[in-house]
PDB file of N, CA and C in Angstrom:
ATOM      1  N   TYR A   1       0.821  -1.205   0.000  1.00  0.00           N
ATOM      2  CA  TYR A   1       0.000   0.000   0.000  1.00  0.00           C
ATOM      3  C   TYR A   1       0.855   1.255   0.000  1.00  0.00           C
ATOM      4  N   SER A   2       0.365   2.271  -0.650  1.00  0.00           N
ATOM      5  CA  SER A   2       1.004   3.580  -0.540  1.00  0.00           C
ATOM      6  C   SER A   2       0.518   4.222   0.758  1.00  0.00           C
ATOM      7  N   LEU A   3       1.212   5.246   1.209  1.00  0.00           N
ATOM      8  CA  LEU A   3       0.815   5.937   2.431  1.00  0.00           C
ATOM      9  C   LEU A   3      -0.609   6.461   2.320  1.00  0.00           C
ATOM     10  N   LEU A   4      -0.967   7.047   1.194  1.00  0.00           N
ATOM     11  CA  LEU A   4      -2.317   7.578   1.031  1.00  0.00           C
ATOM     12  C   LEU A   4      -3.364   6.473   1.114  1.00  0.00           C
ATOM     13  N   GLU A   5      -3.096   5.330   0.523  1.00  0.00           N
ATOM     14  CA  GLU A   5      -4.040   4.208   0.608  1.00  0.00           C
ATOM     15  C   GLU A   5      -4.211   3.756   2.051  1.00  0.00           C
ATOM     16  N   GLN A   6      -3.125   3.739   2.812  1.00  0.00           N
ATOM     17  CA  GLN A   6      -3.202   3.359   4.224  1.00  0.00           C
ATOM     18  C   GLN A   6      -4.024   4.376   5.011  1.00  0.00           C
ATOM     19  N   ILE A   7      -3.832   5.653   4.724  1.00  0.00           N
ATOM     20  CA  ILE A   7      -4.598   6.703   5.406  1.00  0.00           C
ATOM     21  C   ILE A   7      -6.079   6.573   5.077  1.00  0.00           C
ATOM     22  N   LEU A   8      -6.404   6.378   3.809  1.00  0.00           N
ATOM     23  CA  LEU A   8      -7.801   6.234   3.401  1.00  0.00           C
ATOM     24  C   LEU A   8      -8.451   5.019   4.047  1.00  0.00           C
ATOM     25  N   ALA A   9      -7.687   3.969   4.278  1.00  0.00           N
ATOM     26  CA  ALA A   9      -8.219   2.760   4.912  1.00  0.00           C
ATOM     27  C   ALA A   9      -8.595   3.005   6.370  1.00  0.00           C
ATOM     28  N   LEU A  10      -8.106   4.081   6.968  1.00  0.00           N
ATOM     29  CA  LEU A  10      -8.377   4.381   8.378  1.00  0.00           C
ATOM     30  C   LEU A  10      -9.541   5.346   8.573  1.00  0.00           C
ATOM     31  N   LYS A  11     -10.353   5.554   7.535  1.00  0.00           N
ATOM     32  CA  LYS A  11     -11.422   6.547   7.636  1.00  0.00           C
ATOM     33  C   LYS A  11     -12.407   6.250   8.765  1.00  0.00           C
ATOM     34  N   ASP A  12     -12.628   4.994   9.086  1.00  0.00           N
ATOM     35  CA  ASP A  12     -13.544   4.647  10.174  1.00  0.00           C
ATOM     36  C   ASP A  12     -12.904   4.811  11.544  1.00  0.00           C
ATOM     37  N   GLN A  13     -11.599   5.102  11.573  1.00  0.00           N
ATOM     38  CA  GLN A  13     -10.884   5.265  12.838  1.00  0.00           C
ATOM     39  C   GLN A  13     -10.480   6.719  13.080  1.00  0.00           C
ATOM     40  N   GLY A  14     -11.093   7.657  12.365  1.00  0.00           N
ATOM     41  CA  GLY A  14     -10.839   9.063  12.637  1.00  0.00           C
ATOM     42  C   GLY A  14     -10.026   9.802  11.607  1.00  0.00           C
ATOM     43  N   THR A  15      -9.851   9.246  10.426  1.00  0.00           N
ATOM     44  CA  THR A  15      -9.119   9.941   9.371  1.00  0.00           C
ATOM     45  C   THR A  15     -10.121  10.490   8.360  1.00  0.00           C
ATOM     46  N   LEU A  16      -9.924  11.748   7.967  1.00  0.00           N
ATOM     47  CA  LEU A  16     -10.815  12.358   6.989  1.00  0.00           C
ATOM     48  C   LEU A  16      -9.989  12.982   5.873  1.00  0.00           C
ATOM     49  N   VAL A  17     -10.369  12.692   4.648  1.00  0.00           N
ATOM     50  CA  VAL A  17      -9.751  13.313   3.482  1.00  0.00           C
ATOM     51  C   VAL A  17     -10.845  14.097   2.772  1.00  0.00           C
ATOM     52  N   LEU A  18     -10.673  15.421   2.718  1.00  0.00           N
ATOM     53  CA  LEU A  18     -11.632  16.293   2.042  1.00  0.00           C
ATOM     54  C   LEU A  18     -11.082  16.689   0.681  1.00  0.00           C
ATOM     55  N   GLY A  19     -11.958  16.819  -0.285  1.00  0.00           N
ATOM     56  CA  GLY A  19     -11.558  17.291  -1.602  1.00  0.00           C
ATOM     57  C   GLY A  19     -12.438  18.445  -2.035  1.00  0.00           C
ATOM     58  N   ALA A  20     -11.867  19.383  -2.777  1.00  0.00           N
ATOM     59  CA  ALA A  20     -12.621  20.503  -3.339  1.00  0.00           C
ATOM     60  C   ALA A  20     -12.581  20.370  -4.859  1.00  0.00           C
ATOM     61  N   TYR A  21     -13.755  20.297  -5.452  1.00  0.00           N
ATOM     62  CA  TYR A  21     -13.863  20.058  -6.889  1.00  0.00           C
ATOM     63  C   TYR A  21     -14.605  21.197  -7.579  1.00  0.00           C
ATOM     64  N   LEU A  22     -14.226  21.458  -8.801  1.00  0.00           N
ATOM     65  CA  LEU A  22     -14.956  22.360  -9.675  1.00  0.00           C
ATOM     66  C   LEU A  22     -15.289  21.534 -10.907  1.00  0.00           C
ATOM     67  N   GLY A  23     -16.571  21.199 -11.052  1.00  0.00           N
ATOM     68  CA  GLY A  23     -16.931  20.233 -12.080  1.00  0.00           C
ATOM     69  C   GLY A  23     -16.274  18.918 -11.707  1.00  0.00           C
ATOM     70  N   GLY A  24     -15.504  18.341 -12.581  1.00  0.00           N
ATOM     71  CA  GLY A  24     -14.786  17.113 -12.270  1.00  0.00           C
ATOM     72  C   GLY A  24     -13.329  17.337 -11.910  1.00  0.00           C
ATOM     73  N   GLU A  25     -12.915  18.603 -11.811  1.00  0.00           N
ATOM     74  CA  GLU A  25     -11.506  18.923 -11.548  1.00  0.00           C
ATOM     75  C   GLU A  25     -11.238  19.047 -10.048  1.00  0.00           C
ATOM     76  N   LEU A  26     -10.276  18.287  -9.560  1.00  0.00           N
ATOM     77  CA  LEU A  26      -9.858  18.393  -8.164  1.00  0.00           C
ATOM     78  C   LEU A  26      -8.976  19.630  -8.021  1.00  0.00           C
ATOM     79  N   LEU A  27      -9.428  20.588  -7.197  1.00  0.00           N
ATOM     80  CA  LEU A  27      -8.671  21.821  -6.983  1.00  0.00           C
ATOM     81  C   LEU A  27      -7.762  21.741  -5.761  1.00  0.00           C
ATOM     82  N   GLY A  28      -8.125  20.890  -4.803  1.00  0.00           N
ATOM     83  CA  GLY A  28      -7.302  20.771  -3.600  1.00  0.00           C
ATOM     84  C   GLY A  28      -7.853  19.718  -2.666  1.00  0.00           C
ATOM     85  N   GLY A  29      -7.039  19.352  -1.691  1.00  0.00           N
ATOM     86  CA  GLY A  29      -7.440  18.354  -0.705  1.00  0.00           C
ATOM     87  C   GLY A  29      -6.843  18.658   0.653  1.00  0.00           C
ATOM     88  N   HIS A  30      -7.439  18.075   1.686  1.00  0.00           N
ATOM     89  CA  HIS A  30      -7.038  18.317   3.079  1.00  0.00           C
ATOM     90  C   HIS A  30      -7.189  17.009   3.843  1.00  0.00           C
ATOM     91  N   ILE A  31      -6.164  16.623   4.612  1.00  0.00           N
ATOM     92  CA  ILE A  31      -6.203  15.393   5.409  1.00  0.00           C
ATOM     93  C   ILE A  31      -6.156  15.772   6.882  1.00  0.00           C
ATOM     94  N   ASP A  32      -7.099  15.232   7.657  1.00  0.00           N
ATOM     95  CA  ASP A  32      -7.193  15.520   9.087  1.00  0.00           C
ATOM     96  C   ASP A  32      -7.377  14.230   9.871  1.00  0.00           C
ATOM     97  N   PHE A  33      -6.931  14.270  11.129  1.00  0.00           N
ATOM     98  CA  PHE A  33      -7.089  13.139  12.040  1.00  0.00           C
ATOM     99  C   PHE A  33      -7.926  13.575  13.235  1.00  0.00           C
ATOM    100  N   TYR A  34      -8.894  12.749  13.629  1.00  0.00           N
ATOM    101  CA  TYR A  34      -9.803  13.046  14.734  1.00  0.00           C
ATOM    102  C   TYR A  34      -9.619  12.006  15.830  1.00  0.00           C
ATOM    103  N   PHE A  35      -9.402  12.495  17.052  1.00  0.00           N
ATOM    104  CA  PHE A  35      -9.178  11.626  18.208  1.00  0.00           C
ATOM    105  C   PHE A  35     -10.042  12.115  19.361  1.00  0.00           C
ATOM    106  N   GLY A  36     -11.244  11.594  19.516  1.00  0.00           N
ATOM    107  CA  GLY A  36     -12.114  12.027  20.609  1.00  0.00           C
ATOM    108  C   GLY A  36     -12.414  13.515  20.505  1.00  0.00           C
ATOM    109  N   GLU A  37     -11.989  14.280  21.513  1.00  0.00           N
ATOM    110  CA  GLU A  37     -12.248  15.721  21.538  1.00  0.00           C
ATOM    111  C   GLU A  37     -11.164  16.530  20.831  1.00  0.00           C
ATOM    112  N   HIS A  38     -10.218  15.856  20.180  1.00  0.00           N
ATOM    113  CA  HIS A  38      -9.097  16.538  19.532  1.00  0.00           C
ATOM    114  C   HIS A  38      -9.043  16.196  18.043  1.00  0.00           C
ATOM    115  N   ALA A  39      -8.586  17.170  17.269  1.00  0.00           N
ATOM    116  CA  ALA A  39      -8.374  16.955  15.839  1.00  0.00           C
ATOM    117  C   ALA A  39      -7.059  17.620  15.445  1.00  0.00           C
ATOM    118  N   GLN A  40      -6.414  17.050  14.444  1.00  0.00           N
ATOM    119  CA  GLN A  40      -5.137  17.568  13.960  1.00  0.00           C
ATOM    120  C   GLN A  40      -5.185  17.664  12.443  1.00  0.00           C
ATOM    121  N   ALA A  41      -5.029  18.879  11.921  1.00  0.00           N
ATOM    122  CA  ALA A  41      -4.866  19.042  10.477  1.00  0.00           C
ATOM    123  C   ALA A  41      -3.476  18.532  10.134  1.00  0.00           C
ATOM    124  N   TRP A  42      -3.363  17.729   9.075  1.00  0.00           N
ATOM    125  CA  TRP A  42      -2.068  17.137   8.776  1.00  0.00           C
ATOM    126  C   TRP A  42      -1.458  17.696   7.502  1.00  0.00           C
ATOM    127  N   GLN A  43      -2.136  17.537   6.383  1.00  0.00           N
ATOM    128  CA  GLN A  43      -1.575  17.954   5.101  1.00  0.00           C
ATOM    129  C   GLN A  43      -2.665  18.553   4.228  1.00  0.00           C
ATOM    130  N   ALA A  44      -2.250  19.449   3.357  1.00  0.00           N
ATOM    131  CA  ALA A  44      -3.147  19.991   2.340  1.00  0.00           C
ATOM    132  C   ALA A  44      -2.369  20.084   1.038  1.00  0.00           C
ATOM    133  N   GLY A  45      -3.076  19.966  -0.033  1.00  0.00           N
ATOM    134  CA  GLY A  45      -2.474  20.135  -1.345  1.00  0.00           C
ATOM    135  C   GLY A  45      -3.425  20.936  -2.217  1.00  0.00           C
ATOM    136  N   LEU A  46      -2.871  21.864  -2.982  1.00  0.00           N
ATOM    137  CA  LEU A  46      -3.702  22.741  -3.800  1.00  0.00           C
ATOM    138  C   LEU A  46      -3.203  22.762  -5.235  1.00  0.00           C
ATOM    139  N   GLY A  47      -4.144  22.755  -6.156  1.00  0.00           N
ATOM    140  CA  GLY A  47      -3.798  22.879  -7.558  1.00  0.00           C
ATOM    141  C   GLY A  47      -3.580  24.338  -7.937  1.00  0.00           C
ATOM    142  N   GLU A  48      -3.162  24.549  -9.170  1.00  0.00           N
ATOM    143  CA  GLU A  48      -2.840  25.903  -9.641  1.00  0.00           C
ATOM    144  C   GLU A  48      -4.033  26.852  -9.593  1.00  0.00           C
ATOM    145  N   ARG A  49      -5.232  26.367  -9.819  1.00  0.00           N
ATOM    146  CA  ARG A  49      -6.421  27.238  -9.861  1.00  0.00           C
ATOM    147  C   ARG A  49      -7.089  27.408  -8.505  1.00  0.00           C
ATOM    148  N   ALA A  50      -6.562  26.790  -7.465  1.00  0.00           N
ATOM    149  CA  ALA A  50      -7.202  26.801  -6.147  1.00  0.00           C
ATOM    150  C   ALA A  50      -7.353  28.197  -5.561  1.00  0.00           C
ATOM    151  N   SER A  51      -6.348  29.039  -5.723  1.00  0.00           N
ATOM    152  CA  SER A  51      -6.409  30.364  -5.095  1.00  0.00           C
ATOM    153  C   SER A  51      -7.529  31.222  -5.679  1.00  0.00           C
ATOM    154  N   ALA A  52      -7.886  31.006  -6.920  1.00  0.00           N
ATOM    155  CA  ALA A  52      -8.966  31.777  -7.544  1.00  0.00           C
ATOM    156  C   ALA A  52     -10.320  31.478  -6.911  1.00  0.00           C
ATOM    157  N   TYR A  53     -10.422  30.360  -6.197  1.00  0.00           N
ATOM    158  CA  TYR A  53     -11.696  29.944  -5.607  1.00  0.00           C
ATOM    159  C   TYR A  53     -11.640  29.830  -4.082  1.00  0.00           C
ATOM    160  N   GLU A  54     -10.583  30.355  -3.453  1.00  0.00           N
ATOM    161  CA  GLU A  54     -10.446  30.302  -1.982  1.00  0.00           C
ATOM    162  C   GLU A  54     -10.539  28.864  -1.461  1.00  0.00           C
ATOM    163  N   VAL A  55      -9.975  27.928  -2.205  1.00  0.00           N
ATOM    164  CA  VAL A  55     -10.082  26.511  -1.865  1.00  0.00           C
ATOM    165  C   VAL A  55      -9.461  26.199  -0.509  1.00  0.00           C
ATOM    166  N   SER A  56      -8.329  26.784  -0.205  1.00  0.00           N
ATOM    167  CA  SER A  56      -7.673  26.514   1.074  1.00  0.00           C
ATOM    168  C   SER A  56      -8.600  26.837   2.239  1.00  0.00           C
ATOM    169  N   ALA A  57      -9.206  28.015   2.200  1.00  0.00           N
ATOM    170  CA  ALA A  57     -10.128  28.421   3.269  1.00  0.00           C
ATOM    171  C   ALA A  57     -11.342  27.500   3.320  1.00  0.00           C
ATOM    172  N   MET A  58     -11.887  27.147   2.162  1.00  0.00           N
ATOM    173  CA  MET A  58     -13.059  26.266   2.140  1.00  0.00           C
ATOM    174  C   MET A  58     -12.750  24.906   2.749  1.00  0.00           C
ATOM    175  N   LEU A  59     -11.571  24.372   2.462  1.00  0.00           N
ATOM    176  CA  LEU A  59     -11.203  23.068   3.013  1.00  0.00           C
ATOM    177  C   LEU A  59     -11.055  23.129   4.528  1.00  0.00           C
ATOM    178  N   VAL A  60     -10.433  24.182   5.037  1.00  0.00           N
ATOM    179  CA  VAL A  60     -10.277  24.315   6.488  1.00  0.00           C
ATOM    180  C   VAL A  60     -11.636  24.488   7.148  1.00  0.00           C
ATOM    181  N   VAL A  61     -12.486  25.329   6.582  1.00  0.00           N
ATOM    182  CA  VAL A  61     -13.825  25.518   7.145  1.00  0.00           C
ATOM    183  C   VAL A  61     -14.590  24.194   7.118  1.00  0.00           C
ATOM    184  N   GLY A  62     -14.473  23.442   6.044  1.00  0.00           N
ATOM    185  CA  GLY A  62     -15.119  22.127   5.981  1.00  0.00           C
ATOM    186  C   GLY A  62     -14.607  21.183   7.048  1.00  0.00           C
ATOM    187  N   ALA A  63     -13.297  21.202   7.293  1.00  0.00           N
ATOM    188  CA  ALA A  63     -12.709  20.351   8.332  1.00  0.00           C
ATOM    189  C   ALA A  63     -13.185  20.773   9.714  1.00  0.00           C
ATOM    190  N   VAL A  64     -13.287  22.079   9.947  1.00  0.00           N
ATOM    191  CA  VAL A  64     -13.765  22.580  11.241  1.00  0.00           C
ATOM    192  C   VAL A  64     -15.236  22.221  11.431  1.00  0.00           C
ATOM    193  N   GLU A  65     -16.041  22.348  10.386  1.00  0.00           N
ATOM    194  CA  GLU A  65     -17.452  21.950  10.480  1.00  0.00           C
ATOM    195  C   GLU A  65     -17.575  20.465  10.804  1.00  0.00           C
ATOM    196  N   GLU A  66     -16.755  19.644  10.164  1.00  0.00           N
ATOM    197  CA  GLU A  66     -16.747  18.204  10.452  1.00  0.00           C
ATOM    198  C   GLU A  66     -16.362  17.958  11.901  1.00  0.00           C
ATOM    199  N   ALA A  67     -15.346  18.665  12.367  1.00  0.00           N
ATOM    200  CA  ALA A  67     -14.890  18.519  13.757  1.00  0.00           C
ATOM    201  C   ALA A  67     -16.006  18.893  14.728  1.00  0.00           C
ATOM    202  N   TYR A  68     -16.697  19.978  14.452  1.00  0.00           N
ATOM    203  CA  TYR A  68     -17.810  20.405  15.306  1.00  0.00           C
ATOM    204  C   TYR A  68     -18.881  19.317  15.362  1.00  0.00           C
ATOM    205  N   GLY A  69     -19.197  18.749  14.213  1.00  0.00           N
ATOM    206  CA  GLY A  69     -20.190  17.675  14.157  1.00  0.00           C
ATOM    207  C   GLY A  69     -19.771  16.438  14.924  1.00  0.00           C
ATOM    208  N   ARG A  70     -18.474  16.230  15.073  1.00  0.00           N
ATOM    209  CA  ARG A  70     -17.955  15.075  15.817  1.00  0.00           C
ATOM    210  C   ARG A  70     -17.759  15.374  17.297  1.00  0.00           C
ATOM    211  N   GLY A  71     -18.045  16.606  17.720  1.00  0.00           N
ATOM    212  CA  GLY A  71     -17.878  16.962  19.123  1.00  0.00           C
ATOM    213  C   GLY A  71     -16.454  17.334  19.508  1.00  0.00           C
ATOM    214  N   VAL A  72     -15.625  17.659  18.525  1.00  0.00           N
ATOM    215  CA  VAL A  72     -14.238  18.035  18.798  1.00  0.00           C
ATOM    216  C   VAL A  72     -14.204  19.389  19.503  1.00  0.00           C
ATOM    217  N   LYS A  73     -13.394  19.482  20.551  1.00  0.00           N
ATOM    218  CA  LYS A  73     -13.246  20.737  21.290  1.00  0.00           C
ATOM    219  C   LYS A  73     -11.945  21.453  20.964  1.00  0.00           C
ATOM    220  N   HIS A  74     -10.946  20.723  20.486  1.00  0.00           N
ATOM    221  CA  HIS A  74      -9.639  21.305  20.192  1.00  0.00           C
ATOM    222  C   HIS A  74      -9.199  20.851  18.803  1.00  0.00           C
ATOM    223  N   PHE A  75      -9.022  21.802  17.894  1.00  0.00           N
ATOM    224  CA  PHE A  75      -8.595  21.498  16.533  1.00  0.00           C
ATOM    225  C   PHE A  75      -7.276  22.216  16.288  1.00  0.00           C
ATOM    226  N   ASN A  76      -6.206  21.458  16.120  1.00  0.00           N
ATOM    227  CA  ASN A  76      -4.890  22.023  15.857  1.00  0.00           C
ATOM    228  C   ASN A  76      -4.718  22.159  14.347  1.00  0.00           C
ATOM    229  N   LEU A  77      -4.729  23.393  13.872  1.00  0.00           N
ATOM    230  CA  LEU A  77      -4.562  23.647  12.441  1.00  0.00           C
ATOM    231  C   LEU A  77      -3.106  23.792  12.046  1.00  0.00           C
ATOM    232  N   GLY A  78      -2.197  23.625  13.004  1.00  0.00           N
ATOM    233  CA  GLY A  78      -0.777  23.719  12.697  1.00  0.00           C
ATOM    234  C   GLY A  78      -0.268  25.144  12.791  1.00  0.00           C
ATOM    235  N   THR A  79       0.968  25.313  12.424  1.00  0.00           N
ATOM    236  CA  THR A  79       1.637  26.600  12.571  1.00  0.00           C
ATOM    237  C   THR A  79       1.205  27.609  11.509  1.00  0.00           C
ATOM    238  N   SER A  80       1.262  28.863  11.876  1.00  0.00           N
ATOM    239  CA  SER A  80       0.996  29.937  10.917  1.00  0.00           C
ATOM    240  C   SER A  80       2.287  30.409  10.275  1.00  0.00           C
ATOM    241  N   GLY A  81       3.412  30.020  10.862  1.00  0.00           N
ATOM    242  CA  GLY A  81       4.702  30.470  10.352  1.00  0.00           C
ATOM    243  C   GLY A  81       4.883  31.978  10.446  1.00  0.00           C
ATOM    244  N   GLY A  82       4.086  32.621  11.316  1.00  0.00           N
ATOM    245  CA  GLY A  82       4.172  34.067  11.475  1.00  0.00           C
ATOM    246  C   GLY A  82       3.443  34.854  10.397  1.00  0.00           C
ATOM    247  N   ASN A  83       2.754  34.169   9.483  1.00  0.00           N
ATOM    248  CA  ASN A  83       2.022  34.836   8.411  1.00  0.00           C
ATOM    249  C   ASN A  83       0.774  35.500   8.987  1.00  0.00           C
ATOM    250  N   GLU A  84       0.705  36.838   8.905  1.00  0.00           N
ATOM    251  CA  GLU A  84      -0.405  37.579   9.508  1.00  0.00           C
ATOM    252  C   GLU A  84      -1.757  37.196   8.921  1.00  0.00           C
ATOM    253  N   GLY A  85      -1.807  36.893   7.633  1.00  0.00           N
ATOM    254  CA  GLY A  85      -3.061  36.486   7.008  1.00  0.00           C
ATOM    255  C   GLY A  85      -3.568  35.166   7.567  1.00  0.00           C
ATOM    256  N   ILE A  86      -2.657  34.216   7.775  1.00  0.00           N
ATOM    257  CA  ILE A  86      -3.039  32.923   8.346  1.00  0.00           C
ATOM    258  C   ILE A  86      -3.468  33.101   9.796  1.00  0.00           C
ATOM    259  N   VAL A  87      -2.736  33.928  10.548  1.00  0.00           N
ATOM    260  CA  VAL A  87      -3.114  34.207  11.941  1.00  0.00           C
ATOM    261  C   VAL A  87      -4.518  34.801  11.983  1.00  0.00           C
ATOM    262  N   PHE A  88      -4.798  35.792  11.138  1.00  0.00           N
ATOM    263  CA  PHE A  88      -6.119  36.424  11.098  1.00  0.00           C
ATOM    264  C   PHE A  88      -7.200  35.399  10.771  1.00  0.00           C
ATOM    265  N   PHE A  89      -6.945  34.551   9.782  1.00  0.00           N
ATOM    266  CA  PHE A  89      -7.926  33.539   9.391  1.00  0.00           C
ATOM    267  C   PHE A  89      -8.227  32.600  10.552  1.00  0.00           C
ATOM    268  N   LYS A  90      -7.191  32.116  11.224  1.00  0.00           N
ATOM    269  CA  LYS A  90      -7.390  31.192  12.341  1.00  0.00           C
ATOM    270  C   LYS A  90      -8.131  31.867  13.488  1.00  0.00           C
ATOM    271  N   GLU A  91      -7.792  33.126  13.769  1.00  0.00           N
ATOM    272  CA  GLU A  91      -8.492  33.854  14.827  1.00  0.00           C
ATOM    273  C   GLU A  91      -9.952  34.075  14.457  1.00  0.00           C
ATOM    274  N   SER A  92     -10.250  34.253  13.162  1.00  0.00           N
ATOM    275  CA  SER A  92     -11.639  34.440  12.731  1.00  0.00           C
ATOM    276  C   SER A  92     -12.468  33.181  12.958  1.00  0.00           C
ATOM    277  N   LEU A  93     -11.787  32.037  13.079  1.00  0.00           N
ATOM    278  CA  LEU A  93     -12.470  30.771  13.373  1.00  0.00           C
ATOM    279  C   LEU A  93     -12.531  30.498  14.872  1.00  0.00           C
ATOM    280  N   GLY A  94     -12.020  31.438  15.680  1.00  0.00           N
ATOM    281  CA  GLY A  94     -12.020  31.251  17.133  1.00  0.00           C
ATOM    282  C   GLY A  94     -10.709  30.714  17.669  1.00  0.00           C
ATOM    283  N   GLY A  95      -9.709  30.609  16.818  1.00  0.00           N
ATOM    284  CA  GLY A  95      -8.415  30.082  17.248  1.00  0.00           C
ATOM    285  C   GLY A  95      -7.643  31.073  18.095  1.00  0.00           C
ATOM    286  N   ARG A  96      -6.692  30.532  18.827  1.00  0.00           N
ATOM    287  CA  ARG A  96      -5.796  31.383  19.608  1.00  0.00           C
ATOM    288  C   ARG A  96      -4.395  30.793  19.563  1.00  0.00           C
ATOM    289  N   GLU A  97      -3.430  31.642  19.878  1.00  0.00           N
ATOM    290  CA  GLU A  97      -2.030  31.251  19.783  1.00  0.00           C
ATOM    291  C   GLU A  97      -1.660  30.237  20.857  1.00  0.00           C
ATOM    292  N   ARG A  98      -0.893  29.253  20.454  1.00  0.00           N
ATOM    293  CA  ARG A  98      -0.354  28.235  21.370  1.00  0.00           C
ATOM    294  C   ARG A  98       1.138  28.139  21.146  1.00  0.00           C
ATOM    295  N   PHE A  99       1.856  27.792  22.193  1.00  0.00           N
ATOM    296  CA  PHE A  99       3.297  27.609  22.085  1.00  0.00           C
ATOM    297  C   PHE A  99       3.629  26.156  22.379  1.00  0.00           C
ATOM    298  N   TYR A 100       4.583  25.610  21.645  1.00  0.00           N
ATOM    299  CA  TYR A 100       4.964  24.216  21.772  1.00  0.00           C
ATOM    300  C   TYR A 100       6.471  24.111  21.913  1.00  0.00           C
ATOM    301  N   ARG A 101       6.900  23.083  22.593  1.00  0.00           N
ATOM    302  CA  ARG A 101       8.321  22.764  22.618  1.00  0.00           C
ATOM    303  C   ARG A 101       8.686  22.119  21.293  1.00  0.00           C
ATOM    304  N   ILE A 102       9.872  22.427  20.828  1.00  0.00           N
ATOM    305  CA  ILE A 102      10.367  21.813  19.603  1.00  0.00           C
ATOM    306  C   ILE A 102      11.540  20.924  19.980  1.00  0.00           C
ATOM    307  N   VAL A 103      11.444  19.668  19.635  1.00  0.00           N
ATOM    308  CA  VAL A 103      12.494  18.707  19.944  1.00  0.00           C
ATOM    309  C   VAL A 103      13.200  18.358  18.644  1.00  0.00           C
ATOM    310  N   GLU A 104      14.506  18.544  18.640  1.00  0.00           N
ATOM    311  CA  GLU A 104      15.290  18.236  17.452  1.00  0.00           C
ATOM    312  C   GLU A 104      16.451  17.338  17.825  1.00  0.00           C
ATOM    313  N   LYS A 105      16.826  16.500  16.911  1.00  0.00           N
ATOM    314  CA  LYS A 105      18.013  15.679  17.102  1.00  0.00           C
ATOM    315  C   LYS A 105      19.205  16.498  16.619  1.00  0.00           C
ATOM    316  N   ALA A 106      20.134  16.772  17.530  1.00  0.00           N
ATOM    317  CA  ALA A 106      21.292  17.602  17.188  1.00  0.00           C
ATOM    318  C   ALA A 106      22.442  16.732  16.700  1.00  0.00           C
ATOM    319  N   GLY A 107      23.164  17.239  15.726  1.00  0.00           N
ATOM    320  CA  GLY A 107      24.337  16.543  15.211  1.00  0.00           C
ATOM    321  C   GLY A 107      25.534  16.740  16.121  1.00  0.00           C
ATOM    322  N   ARG A 108      26.594  16.012  15.834  1.00  0.00           N
ATOM    323  CA  ARG A 108      27.814  16.086  16.656  1.00  0.00           C
ATOM    324  C   ARG A 108      28.400  17.491  16.713  1.00  0.00           C
ATOM    325  N   LEU A 109      28.460  18.178  15.592  1.00  0.00           N
ATOM    326  CA  LEU A 109      29.041  19.519  15.555  1.00  0.00           C
ATOM    327  C   LEU A 109      28.270  20.458  16.481  1.00  0.00           C
ATOM    328  N   TYR A 110      26.948  20.428  16.407  1.00  0.00           N
ATOM    329  CA  TYR A 110      26.116  21.283  17.253  1.00  0.00           C
ATOM    330  C   TYR A 110      26.352  20.973  18.728  1.00  0.00           C
ATOM    331  N   ARG A 111      26.385  19.694  19.078  1.00  0.00           N
ATOM    332  CA  ARG A 111      26.599  19.316  20.491  1.00  0.00           C
ATOM    333  C   ARG A 111      27.963  19.767  20.977  1.00  0.00           C
ATOM    334  N   SER A 112      28.993  19.661  20.134  1.00  0.00           N
ATOM    335  CA  SER A 112      30.333  20.065  20.564  1.00  0.00           C
ATOM    336  C   SER A 112      30.407  21.578  20.766  1.00  0.00           C
ATOM    337  N   ILE A 113      29.705  22.353  19.964  1.00  0.00           N
ATOM    338  CA  ILE A 113      29.680  23.807  20.130  1.00  0.00           C
ATOM    339  C   ILE A 113      28.949  24.175  21.413  1.00  0.00           C
ATOM    340  N   ARG A 114      27.858  23.504  21.711  1.00  0.00           N
ATOM    341  CA  ARG A 114      27.082  23.805  22.924  1.00  0.00           C
ATOM    342  C   ARG A 114      27.864  23.496  24.188  1.00  0.00           C
ATOM    343  N   ARG A 115      28.770  22.542  24.146  1.00  0.00           N
ATOM    344  CA  ARG A 115      29.546  22.171  25.337  1.00  0.00           C
ATOM    345  C   ARG A 115      30.563  23.239  25.705  1.00  0.00           C
ATOM    346  N   ARG A 116      30.939  24.072  24.781  1.00  0.00           N
ATOM    347  CA  ARG A 116      31.980  25.081  25.039  1.00  0.00           C
ATOM    348  C   ARG A 116      31.473  26.214  25.862  1.00  0.00           C
TER     349      ARG A 116
END
């Protein structure tokens, strides 16, 4: 199986793949995971014409509506990367800023510099 086939096979266990179509053309897609009262947006992909139709926003709103219908209380849409437009969009959906620890595996050179 490919990774996507494995993800699609888990739809009854909390995986959702949304698609945005214009006629028969796929403009974009969004993959989310639902775990009880929590949901995590994972990946999105957009075609060249997606921005002309606000596909990204429609997919996120669709995912949030699905989450609401499932009783989700916390939906992690991922990082904004400091983009003010993304921050504004998330806040318009009721989102607020969260801070997370970042864990990275450091290489030998980095560790040797930190020891000094």
